[in-house]
Structure formats: C-alpha cells, structure tokens
Amino acid sequence: MKRNDQFVMRPVAGRFVLAPIGEMVKKFSGMVTLNNTGKFLWEQLAEDKTLDELAKAMADTYEVDFEQSKKDIEVFLEPLRSIEAVID
C-alpha cells in the first residue's frame, strides 16, 4: 500500500493535516488531522509498504508490540482507505 499523491500533509496550528489536491478535491473536500504516529505512518507510506513493514517500523521506532502495532495501523488505515488517501 502507498499514500495517494493527491493528498498533501501540512502543518496547521501545531498539528498536521492531510488535505486533498487536484482532482481529489472533487471526491473529498475535508481534511484529516494526524497525531505524531499518524504523521510517522504517512511518511512511511511515501513508498509502497506492506502492513508488516509498517508494523515493524512502528514497533522499532516507538518500542511497542509488533502485533498490537498491526492492529492499530489497520484502525488508522481504514478511514484513509475510505477516502482514497491510501491505496492498496
């Protein structure tokens, strides 16, 4: 999976948001607020990654359990997939 280049991450008031650009604005006209781990995952998705690769990066960086990371990442990805910000 990989992030959709029709979404950009920008800092806004000390937080990070994803906003659509180009043709994607016609499909989704909102913004998505990211916390620090969301920002980390979005940056990881600049390149095509599997769920296991994302979970390993998360577990290594934040010193959390690999299996729990996978579950948490799936929860994070669900709404991003629904708006096509992340493409499988």
C-alpha atoms as a PDB file:
ATOM      1  CA  MET A   1       0.000   0.000   0.000  1.00  0.00           C
ATOM      2  CA  LYS A   2       1.039   3.557  -0.589  1.00  0.00           C
ATOM      3  CA  ARG A   3      -0.225   7.049   0.072  1.00  0.00           C
ATOM      4  CA  ASN A   4      -2.147   8.819  -2.664  1.00  0.00           C
ATOM      5  CA  ASP A   5      -0.123  11.728  -4.052  1.00  0.00           C
ATOM      6  CA  GLN A   6      -3.390  13.634  -4.407  1.00  0.00           C
ATOM      7  CA  PHE A   7      -3.208  14.283  -0.648  1.00  0.00           C
ATOM      8  CA  VAL A   8      -0.618  16.508   0.997  1.00  0.00           C
ATOM      9  CA  MET A   9       0.388  16.786   4.638  1.00  0.00           C
ATOM     10  CA  ARG A  10       0.754  20.283   6.019  1.00  0.00           C
ATOM     11  CA  PRO A  11       1.412  21.723   9.485  1.00  0.00           C
ATOM     12  CA  VAL A  12      -1.535  23.734  10.790  1.00  0.00           C
ATOM     13  CA  ALA A  13      -1.594  25.315  14.252  1.00  0.00           C
ATOM     14  CA  GLY A  14       0.939  22.897  15.690  1.00  0.00           C
ATOM     15  CA  ARG A  15      -0.754  19.795  14.235  1.00  0.00           C
ATOM     16  CA  PHE A  16      -0.515  18.016  10.910  1.00  0.00           C
ATOM     17  CA  VAL A  17      -3.386  17.667   8.468  1.00  0.00           C
ATOM     18  CA  LEU A  18      -3.925  15.801   5.232  1.00  0.00           C
ATOM     19  CA  ALA A  19      -5.694  17.789   2.558  1.00  0.00           C
ATOM     20  CA  PRO A  20      -6.730  16.745  -0.934  1.00  0.00           C
ATOM     21  CA  ILE A  21      -5.344  18.470  -4.015  1.00  0.00           C
ATOM     22  CA  GLY A  22      -6.121  18.368  -7.710  1.00  0.00           C
ATOM     23  CA  GLU A  23      -8.945  16.118  -8.848  1.00  0.00           C
ATOM     24  CA  MET A  24      -9.238  14.549  -5.393  1.00  0.00           C
ATOM     25  CA  VAL A  25     -10.875  17.753  -4.104  1.00  0.00           C
ATOM     26  CA  LYS A  26     -13.972  16.743  -6.100  1.00  0.00           C
ATOM     27  CA  LYS A  27     -14.168  13.462  -4.151  1.00  0.00           C
ATOM     28  CA  PHE A  28     -13.161  14.633  -0.676  1.00  0.00           C
ATOM     29  CA  SER A  29     -13.355  18.240   0.440  1.00  0.00           C
ATOM     30  CA  GLY A  30     -12.305  17.862   4.071  1.00  0.00           C
ATOM     31  CA  MET A  31      -9.093  17.488   5.999  1.00  0.00           C
ATOM     32  CA  VAL A  32      -7.733  14.730   8.220  1.00  0.00           C
ATOM     33  CA  THR A  33      -5.838  15.601  11.402  1.00  0.00           C
ATOM     34  CA  LEU A  34      -2.858  13.404  12.226  1.00  0.00           C
ATOM     35  CA  ASN A  35      -1.142  12.833  15.536  1.00  0.00           C
ATOM     36  CA  ASN A  36       2.595  12.094  15.699  1.00  0.00           C
ATOM     37  CA  THR A  37       2.199   8.393  14.938  1.00  0.00           C
ATOM     38  CA  GLY A  38      -0.181   9.195  12.089  1.00  0.00           C
ATOM     39  CA  LYS A  39       2.416  11.591  10.683  1.00  0.00           C
ATOM     40  CA  PHE A  40       5.059   8.878  11.044  1.00  0.00           C
ATOM     41  CA  LEU A  41       2.914   6.341   9.180  1.00  0.00           C
ATOM     42  CA  TRP A  42       2.029   8.841   6.441  1.00  0.00           C
ATOM     43  CA  GLU A  43       5.723   9.484   5.893  1.00  0.00           C
ATOM     44  CA  GLN A  44       6.389   5.730   5.783  1.00  0.00           C
ATOM     45  CA  LEU A  45       3.736   5.383   3.077  1.00  0.00           C
ATOM     46  CA  ALA A  46       5.725   7.575   0.683  1.00  0.00           C
ATOM     47  CA  GLU A  47       6.979   4.210  -0.581  1.00  0.00           C
ATOM     48  CA  ASP A  48       4.941   1.070  -1.150  1.00  0.00           C
ATOM     49  CA  LYS A  49       4.832  -0.842   2.160  1.00  0.00           C
ATOM     50  CA  THR A  50       3.122  -3.925   3.492  1.00  0.00           C
ATOM     51  CA  LEU A  51       1.257  -3.953   6.779  1.00  0.00           C
ATOM     52  CA  ASP A  52       4.085  -5.992   8.303  1.00  0.00           C
ATOM     53  CA  GLU A  53       6.686  -3.454   7.141  1.00  0.00           C
ATOM     54  CA  LEU A  54       4.679  -0.611   8.660  1.00  0.00           C
ATOM     55  CA  ALA A  55       4.203  -2.522  11.915  1.00  0.00           C
ATOM     56  CA  LYS A  56       7.925  -3.304  12.139  1.00  0.00           C
ATOM     57  CA  ALA A  57       8.831   0.355  11.564  1.00  0.00           C
ATOM     58  CA  MET A  58       6.289   1.414  14.189  1.00  0.00           C
ATOM     59  CA  ALA A  59       7.433  -1.217  16.688  1.00  0.00           C
ATOM     60  CA  ASP A  60      11.096  -0.326  16.192  1.00  0.00           C
ATOM     61  CA  THR A  61      10.561   3.436  16.405  1.00  0.00           C
ATOM     62  CA  TYR A  62       8.071   3.572  19.268  1.00  0.00           C
ATOM     63  CA  GLU A  63       9.180   0.394  21.100  1.00  0.00           C
ATOM     64  CA  VAL A  64       5.695  -1.130  21.017  1.00  0.00           C
ATOM     65  CA  ASP A  65       4.478  -4.663  20.392  1.00  0.00           C
ATOM     66  CA  PHE A  66       4.578  -5.738  16.740  1.00  0.00           C
ATOM     67  CA  GLU A  67       1.167  -7.494  16.777  1.00  0.00           C
ATOM     68  CA  GLN A  68      -0.508  -4.582  18.556  1.00  0.00           C
ATOM     69  CA  SER A  69       1.070  -2.212  16.028  1.00  0.00           C
ATOM     70  CA  LYS A  70      -0.523  -4.171  13.193  1.00  0.00           C
ATOM     71  CA  LYS A  71      -3.961  -3.871  14.819  1.00  0.00           C
ATOM     72  CA  ASP A  72      -3.527  -0.162  15.495  1.00  0.00           C
ATOM     73  CA  ILE A  73      -2.294   0.513  11.966  1.00  0.00           C
ATOM     74  CA  GLU A  74      -5.330  -1.254  10.476  1.00  0.00           C
ATOM     75  CA  VAL A  75      -7.570   1.054  12.528  1.00  0.00           C
ATOM     76  CA  PHE A  76      -5.565   4.061  11.320  1.00  0.00           C
ATOM     77  CA  LEU A  77      -5.727   2.969   7.666  1.00  0.00           C
ATOM     78  CA  GLU A  78      -9.454   2.217   7.491  1.00  0.00           C
ATOM     79  CA  PRO A  79     -10.700   5.818   7.179  1.00  0.00           C
ATOM     80  CA  LEU A  80      -7.766   6.759   4.926  1.00  0.00           C
ATOM     81  CA  ARG A  81      -8.657   3.944   2.554  1.00  0.00           C
ATOM     82  CA  SER A  82     -12.301   5.032   2.525  1.00  0.00           C
ATOM     83  CA  ILE A  83     -11.337   8.491   1.233  1.00  0.00           C
ATOM     84  CA  GLU A  84      -8.669   7.021  -1.077  1.00  0.00           C
ATOM     85  CA  ALA A  85      -5.796   8.733   0.756  1.00  0.00           C
ATOM     86  CA  VAL A  86      -4.132   5.317   0.978  1.00  0.00           C
ATOM     87  CA  ILE A  87      -4.173   2.972  -1.986  1.00  0.00           C
ATOM     88  CA  ASP A  88      -3.679  -0.792  -1.667  1.00  0.00           C
END
